[in-house]
Amino acid sequence: MSAHDGGVKWQVAVNAITVGEISDADYAGIQRSVFFDVRVYGAQLLNFANVGWWLTNHLFTGIPLVAFWAAFSCFVFAPDTFASAMTVLQQLTPAQAVAAFPTLVNLFFITAIMTIGIRIAMGGYFGFIDRFDQACNDRIRRALNCAAYGEISLFHFGGGTISDHLTPASPQ
């Protein structure tokens, strides 16, 4: 954490535009401060809860839609099968319903996975945000007095490759 001025310097780019330079010690200090900040853990926990809410919300709207369109398709393309299925459902006894419960749970999970896959394919996302990276990026921008918001990239040129600075020296 305590490096002299001749240490590794990182070039910082926001949205592919170089905005400044930060020392490795300052960058490590920023990462350490974020790691020990309780507020970041709280924000990440709330984000996990939000992802759960998103998933639950889309399952409770997606599964009935899939069930409706499956029943409608069966009604249109196989009316005899649909009529016999409705007759079986009308004559269902409580014992048969309990025996069919594991099958219904399996169908629920298959439909849930299919619904989530369709939502992701249509451009939906779970809403997960890495609050630790976001906090590091905010503090890097603050350290550089950069008002621009966007994707932050750190890179290093000169004095060998960055892997020379990250890997321990091999014993001679």
C-alpha atoms as a PDB file:
ATOM      1  CA  MET A   1       0.000   0.000   0.000  1.00  0.00           C
ATOM      2  CA  SER A   2       2.819   2.402   0.650  1.00  0.00           C
ATOM      3  CA  ALA A   3       4.759   2.787  -2.578  1.00  0.00           C
ATOM      4  CA  HIS A   4       7.159   5.517  -3.519  1.00  0.00           C
ATOM      5  CA  ASP A   5       6.530   7.903  -6.400  1.00  0.00           C
ATOM      6  CA  GLY A   6       8.454   5.675  -8.795  1.00  0.00           C
ATOM      7  CA  GLY A   7       5.847   2.882  -8.486  1.00  0.00           C
ATOM      8  CA  VAL A   8       3.429   1.695 -11.101  1.00  0.00           C
ATOM      9  CA  LYS A   9       1.214   4.402 -12.565  1.00  0.00           C
ATOM     10  CA  TRP A  10      -2.124   3.559 -14.121  1.00  0.00           C
ATOM     11  CA  GLN A  11      -3.556   5.508 -17.015  1.00  0.00           C
ATOM     12  CA  VAL A  12      -7.278   6.012 -16.446  1.00  0.00           C
ATOM     13  CA  ALA A  13      -9.681   6.235 -19.373  1.00  0.00           C
ATOM     14  CA  VAL A  14     -13.358   7.065 -19.128  1.00  0.00           C
ATOM     15  CA  ASN A  15     -15.316   5.961 -22.193  1.00  0.00           C
ATOM     16  CA  ALA A  16     -12.007   5.293 -24.007  1.00  0.00           C
ATOM     17  CA  ILE A  17     -10.742   8.849 -23.380  1.00  0.00           C
ATOM     18  CA  THR A  18      -7.694   9.189 -21.140  1.00  0.00           C
ATOM     19  CA  VAL A  19      -8.567  11.480 -18.246  1.00  0.00           C
ATOM     20  CA  GLY A  20      -5.614  11.091 -15.918  1.00  0.00           C
ATOM     21  CA  GLU A  21      -3.156   8.961 -14.063  1.00  0.00           C
ATOM     22  CA  ILE A  22      -3.335   7.277 -10.676  1.00  0.00           C
ATOM     23  CA  SER A  23      -0.593   5.548  -8.722  1.00  0.00           C
ATOM     24  CA  ASP A  24      -0.840   1.909  -7.850  1.00  0.00           C
ATOM     25  CA  ALA A  25      -0.813   2.783  -4.146  1.00  0.00           C
ATOM     26  CA  ASP A  26      -3.739   5.177  -4.569  1.00  0.00           C
ATOM     27  CA  TYR A  27      -5.653   2.591  -6.585  1.00  0.00           C
ATOM     28  CA  ALA A  28      -5.013  -0.075  -3.948  1.00  0.00           C
ATOM     29  CA  GLY A  29      -6.131   2.394  -1.262  1.00  0.00           C
ATOM     30  CA  ILE A  30      -9.372   3.027  -3.135  1.00  0.00           C
ATOM     31  CA  GLN A  31     -10.025  -0.699  -3.467  1.00  0.00           C
ATOM     32  CA  ARG A  32      -9.278  -1.221   0.224  1.00  0.00           C
ATOM     33  CA  SER A  33     -11.578   1.607   1.302  1.00  0.00           C
ATOM     34  CA  VAL A  34     -14.389   0.169  -0.823  1.00  0.00           C
ATOM     35  CA  PHE A  35     -13.781  -3.309   0.580  1.00  0.00           C
ATOM     36  CA  PHE A  36     -14.176  -2.047   4.161  1.00  0.00           C
ATOM     37  CA  ASP A  37     -17.130   0.281   3.469  1.00  0.00           C
ATOM     38  CA  VAL A  38     -20.247  -1.192   5.073  1.00  0.00           C
ATOM     39  CA  ARG A  39     -22.533   0.945   2.908  1.00  0.00           C
ATOM     40  CA  VAL A  40     -21.321  -0.860  -0.215  1.00  0.00           C
ATOM     41  CA  TYR A  41     -22.240  -4.210   1.335  1.00  0.00           C
ATOM     42  CA  GLY A  42     -25.705  -2.858   2.185  1.00  0.00           C
ATOM     43  CA  ALA A  43     -26.175  -1.556  -1.352  1.00  0.00           C
ATOM     44  CA  GLN A  44     -25.069  -4.907  -2.801  1.00  0.00           C
ATOM     45  CA  LEU A  45     -27.475  -6.755  -0.491  1.00  0.00           C
ATOM     46  CA  LEU A  46     -30.328  -4.503  -1.637  1.00  0.00           C
ATOM     47  CA  ASN A  47     -29.302  -5.171  -5.234  1.00  0.00           C
ATOM     48  CA  PHE A  48     -29.498  -8.933  -4.624  1.00  0.00           C
ATOM     49  CA  ALA A  49     -32.985  -8.399  -3.171  1.00  0.00           C
ATOM     50  CA  ASN A  50     -33.882  -6.374  -6.277  1.00  0.00           C
ATOM     51  CA  VAL A  51     -32.682  -9.214  -8.510  1.00  0.00           C
ATOM     52  CA  GLY A  52     -34.899 -11.600  -6.533  1.00  0.00           C
ATOM     53  CA  TRP A  53     -37.824  -9.204  -6.902  1.00  0.00           C
ATOM     54  CA  TRP A  54     -37.206  -8.945 -10.670  1.00  0.00           C
ATOM     55  CA  LEU A  55     -37.076 -12.715 -10.992  1.00  0.00           C
ATOM     56  CA  THR A  56     -40.233 -13.252  -8.936  1.00  0.00           C
ATOM     57  CA  ASN A  57     -42.074 -10.504 -10.798  1.00  0.00           C
ATOM     58  CA  HIS A  58     -41.228 -11.952 -14.187  1.00  0.00           C
ATOM     59  CA  LEU A  59     -42.074 -15.483 -13.125  1.00  0.00           C
ATOM     60  CA  PHE A  60     -45.488 -14.467 -11.816  1.00  0.00           C
ATOM     61  CA  THR A  61     -46.242 -12.647 -15.038  1.00  0.00           C
ATOM     62  CA  GLY A  62     -44.468 -15.028 -17.420  1.00  0.00           C
ATOM     63  CA  ILE A  63     -45.715 -18.375 -16.187  1.00  0.00           C
ATOM     64  CA  PRO A  64     -49.426 -17.497 -16.546  1.00  0.00           C
ATOM     65  CA  LEU A  65     -48.711 -16.117 -20.024  1.00  0.00           C
ATOM     66  CA  VAL A  66     -46.949 -19.313 -21.050  1.00  0.00           C
ATOM     67  CA  ALA A  67     -49.752 -21.421 -19.550  1.00  0.00           C
ATOM     68  CA  PHE A  68     -52.411 -19.368 -21.358  1.00  0.00           C
ATOM     69  CA  TRP A  69     -50.693 -19.558 -24.744  1.00  0.00           C
ATOM     70  CA  ALA A  70     -50.012 -23.279 -24.295  1.00  0.00           C
ATOM     71  CA  ALA A  71     -53.702 -23.888 -23.514  1.00  0.00           C
ATOM     72  CA  PHE A  72     -54.794 -21.624 -26.379  1.00  0.00           C
ATOM     73  CA  SER A  73     -52.454 -23.402 -28.812  1.00  0.00           C
ATOM     74  CA  CYS A  74     -53.769 -26.761 -27.664  1.00  0.00           C
ATOM     75  CA  PHE A  75     -57.348 -25.491 -28.104  1.00  0.00           C
ATOM     76  CA  VAL A  76     -56.649 -24.265 -31.656  1.00  0.00           C
ATOM     77  CA  PHE A  77     -54.353 -26.990 -32.980  1.00  0.00           C
ATOM     78  CA  ALA A  78     -55.547 -30.051 -31.004  1.00  0.00           C
ATOM     79  CA  PRO A  79     -59.131 -29.474 -29.855  1.00  0.00           C
ATOM     80  CA  ASP A  80     -59.743 -33.168 -29.071  1.00  0.00           C
ATOM     81  CA  THR A  81     -56.738 -33.292 -26.743  1.00  0.00           C
ATOM     82  CA  PHE A  82     -57.799 -30.017 -25.141  1.00  0.00           C
ATOM     83  CA  ALA A  83     -61.351 -31.330 -24.538  1.00  0.00           C
ATOM     84  CA  SER A  84     -60.094 -34.574 -22.997  1.00  0.00           C
ATOM     85  CA  ALA A  85     -57.667 -32.634 -20.761  1.00  0.00           C
ATOM     86  CA  MET A  86     -60.514 -30.405 -19.548  1.00  0.00           C
ATOM     87  CA  THR A  87     -62.631 -33.481 -18.826  1.00  0.00           C
ATOM     88  CA  VAL A  88     -59.814 -35.023 -16.780  1.00  0.00           C
ATOM     89  CA  LEU A  89     -59.322 -31.759 -14.851  1.00  0.00           C
ATOM     90  CA  GLN A  90     -63.050 -31.565 -14.055  1.00  0.00           C
ATOM     91  CA  GLN A  91     -63.090 -35.104 -12.670  1.00  0.00           C
ATOM     92  CA  LEU A  92     -59.875 -34.745 -10.646  1.00  0.00           C
ATOM     93  CA  THR A  93     -60.081 -36.056  -7.074  1.00  0.00           C
ATOM     94  CA  PRO A  94     -58.040 -34.652  -4.161  1.00  0.00           C
ATOM     95  CA  ALA A  95     -55.924 -37.825  -4.011  1.00  0.00           C
ATOM     96  CA  GLN A  96     -55.105 -37.546  -7.704  1.00  0.00           C
ATOM     97  CA  ALA A  97     -54.233 -33.864  -7.256  1.00  0.00           C
ATOM     98  CA  VAL A  98     -51.785 -34.729  -4.449  1.00  0.00           C
ATOM     99  CA  ALA A  99     -50.258 -37.496  -6.573  1.00  0.00           C
ATOM    100  CA  ALA A 100     -49.865 -35.089  -9.515  1.00  0.00           C
ATOM    101  CA  PHE A 101     -48.179 -32.389  -7.400  1.00  0.00           C
ATOM    102  CA  PRO A 102     -44.537 -33.472  -8.136  1.00  0.00           C
ATOM    103  CA  THR A 103     -45.301 -33.425 -11.860  1.00  0.00           C
ATOM    104  CA  LEU A 104     -46.804 -29.945 -11.542  1.00  0.00           C
ATOM    105  CA  VAL A 105     -43.696 -28.729  -9.674  1.00  0.00           C
ATOM    106  CA  ASN A 106     -41.473 -30.096 -12.457  1.00  0.00           C
ATOM    107  CA  LEU A 107     -43.637 -28.370 -15.070  1.00  0.00           C
ATOM    108  CA  PHE A 108     -43.426 -25.153 -13.036  1.00  0.00           C
ATOM    109  CA  PHE A 109     -39.618 -25.245 -13.003  1.00  0.00           C
ATOM    110  CA  ILE A 110     -39.392 -26.079 -16.706  1.00  0.00           C
ATOM    111  CA  THR A 111     -41.770 -23.219 -17.497  1.00  0.00           C
ATOM    112  CA  ALA A 112     -39.834 -20.880 -15.186  1.00  0.00           C
ATOM    113  CA  ILE A 113     -36.519 -21.657 -16.885  1.00  0.00           C
ATOM    114  CA  MET A 114     -38.119 -21.271 -20.297  1.00  0.00           C
ATOM    115  CA  THR A 115     -39.735 -17.960 -19.275  1.00  0.00           C
ATOM    116  CA  ILE A 116     -36.473 -16.562 -17.920  1.00  0.00           C
ATOM    117  CA  GLY A 117     -34.656 -17.668 -21.078  1.00  0.00           C
ATOM    118  CA  ILE A 118     -37.239 -15.966 -23.277  1.00  0.00           C
ATOM    119  CA  ARG A 119     -37.031 -12.746 -21.225  1.00  0.00           C
ATOM    120  CA  ILE A 120     -33.235 -12.719 -21.476  1.00  0.00           C
ATOM    121  CA  ALA A 121     -33.396 -13.419 -25.229  1.00  0.00           C
ATOM    122  CA  MET A 122     -35.813 -10.488 -25.605  1.00  0.00           C
ATOM    123  CA  GLY A 123     -33.331  -8.145 -23.939  1.00  0.00           C
ATOM    124  CA  GLY A 124     -34.353  -8.462 -20.317  1.00  0.00           C
ATOM    125  CA  TYR A 125     -31.720  -8.633 -17.631  1.00  0.00           C
ATOM    126  CA  PHE A 126     -31.716  -9.531 -13.976  1.00  0.00           C
ATOM    127  CA  GLY A 127     -30.781  -6.044 -12.813  1.00  0.00           C
ATOM    128  CA  PHE A 128     -27.565  -7.153 -11.125  1.00  0.00           C
ATOM    129  CA  ILE A 129     -25.139  -4.281 -10.560  1.00  0.00           C
ATOM    130  CA  ASP A 130     -21.716  -4.828  -9.039  1.00  0.00           C
ATOM    131  CA  ARG A 131     -21.799  -2.109  -6.383  1.00  0.00           C
ATOM    132  CA  PHE A 132     -18.145  -2.737  -5.481  1.00  0.00           C
ATOM    133  CA  ASP A 133     -16.955  -1.896  -9.011  1.00  0.00           C
ATOM    134  CA  GLN A 134     -19.329   1.041  -9.105  1.00  0.00           C
ATOM    135  CA  ALA A 135     -17.948   2.409  -5.816  1.00  0.00           C
ATOM    136  CA  CYS A 136     -14.346   1.944  -7.006  1.00  0.00           C
ATOM    137  CA  ASN A 137     -15.151   3.728 -10.259  1.00  0.00           C
ATOM    138  CA  ASP A 138     -16.833   6.603  -8.409  1.00  0.00           C
ATOM    139  CA  ARG A 139     -13.837   7.037  -6.114  1.00  0.00           C
ATOM    140  CA  ILE A 140     -11.374   6.877  -9.009  1.00  0.00           C
ATOM    141  CA  ARG A 141     -13.335   9.577 -10.836  1.00  0.00           C
ATOM    142  CA  ARG A 142     -13.415  11.648  -7.647  1.00  0.00           C
ATOM    143  CA  ALA A 143      -9.644  11.240  -7.181  1.00  0.00           C
ATOM    144  CA  LEU A 144      -9.068  12.467 -10.735  1.00  0.00           C
ATOM    145  CA  ASN A 145     -11.672  15.259 -10.553  1.00  0.00           C
ATOM    146  CA  CYS A 146     -13.430  13.723 -13.557  1.00  0.00           C
ATOM    147  CA  ALA A 147     -17.101  14.606 -13.929  1.00  0.00           C
ATOM    148  CA  ALA A 148     -17.702  12.241 -16.858  1.00  0.00           C
ATOM    149  CA  TYR A 149     -19.637   9.104 -16.066  1.00  0.00           C
ATOM    150  CA  GLY A 150     -19.089   5.902 -18.000  1.00  0.00           C
ATOM    151  CA  GLU A 151     -16.896   2.866 -18.373  1.00  0.00           C
ATOM    152  CA  ILE A 152     -13.580   3.265 -16.579  1.00  0.00           C
ATOM    153  CA  SER A 153     -10.527   1.419 -17.878  1.00  0.00           C
ATOM    154  CA  LEU A 154      -7.113   1.307 -16.224  1.00  0.00           C
ATOM    155  CA  PHE A 155      -4.045   0.474 -18.268  1.00  0.00           C
ATOM    156  CA  HIS A 156      -0.295   0.677 -17.917  1.00  0.00           C
ATOM    157  CA  PHE A 157       2.457   1.208 -20.475  1.00  0.00           C
ATOM    158  CA  GLY A 158       6.212   1.226 -20.131  1.00  0.00           C
ATOM    159  CA  GLY A 159       8.590  -0.466 -17.730  1.00  0.00           C
ATOM    160  CA  GLY A 160       7.652  -3.962 -18.886  1.00  0.00           C
ATOM    161  CA  THR A 161       4.263  -5.555 -18.895  1.00  0.00           C
ATOM    162  CA  ILE A 162       1.776  -5.192 -16.095  1.00  0.00           C
ATOM    163  CA  SER A 163       2.205  -8.892 -15.326  1.00  0.00           C
ATOM    164  CA  ASP A 164       5.800  -8.078 -14.337  1.00  0.00           C
ATOM    165  CA  HIS A 165       4.380  -5.958 -11.542  1.00  0.00           C
ATOM    166  CA  LEU A 166       1.661  -8.395 -10.468  1.00  0.00           C
ATOM    167  CA  THR A 167       3.462 -11.736 -10.311  1.00  0.00           C
ATOM    168  CA  PRO A 168       6.046 -12.426  -7.625  1.00  0.00           C
ATOM    169  CA  ALA A 169       9.602 -12.822  -8.776  1.00  0.00           C
ATOM    170  CA  SER A 170      10.767 -16.397  -9.118  1.00  0.00           C
ATOM    171  CA  PRO A 171      13.538 -17.504  -6.766  1.00  0.00           C
ATOM    172  CA  GLN A 172      16.947 -17.620  -8.422  1.00  0.00           C
END
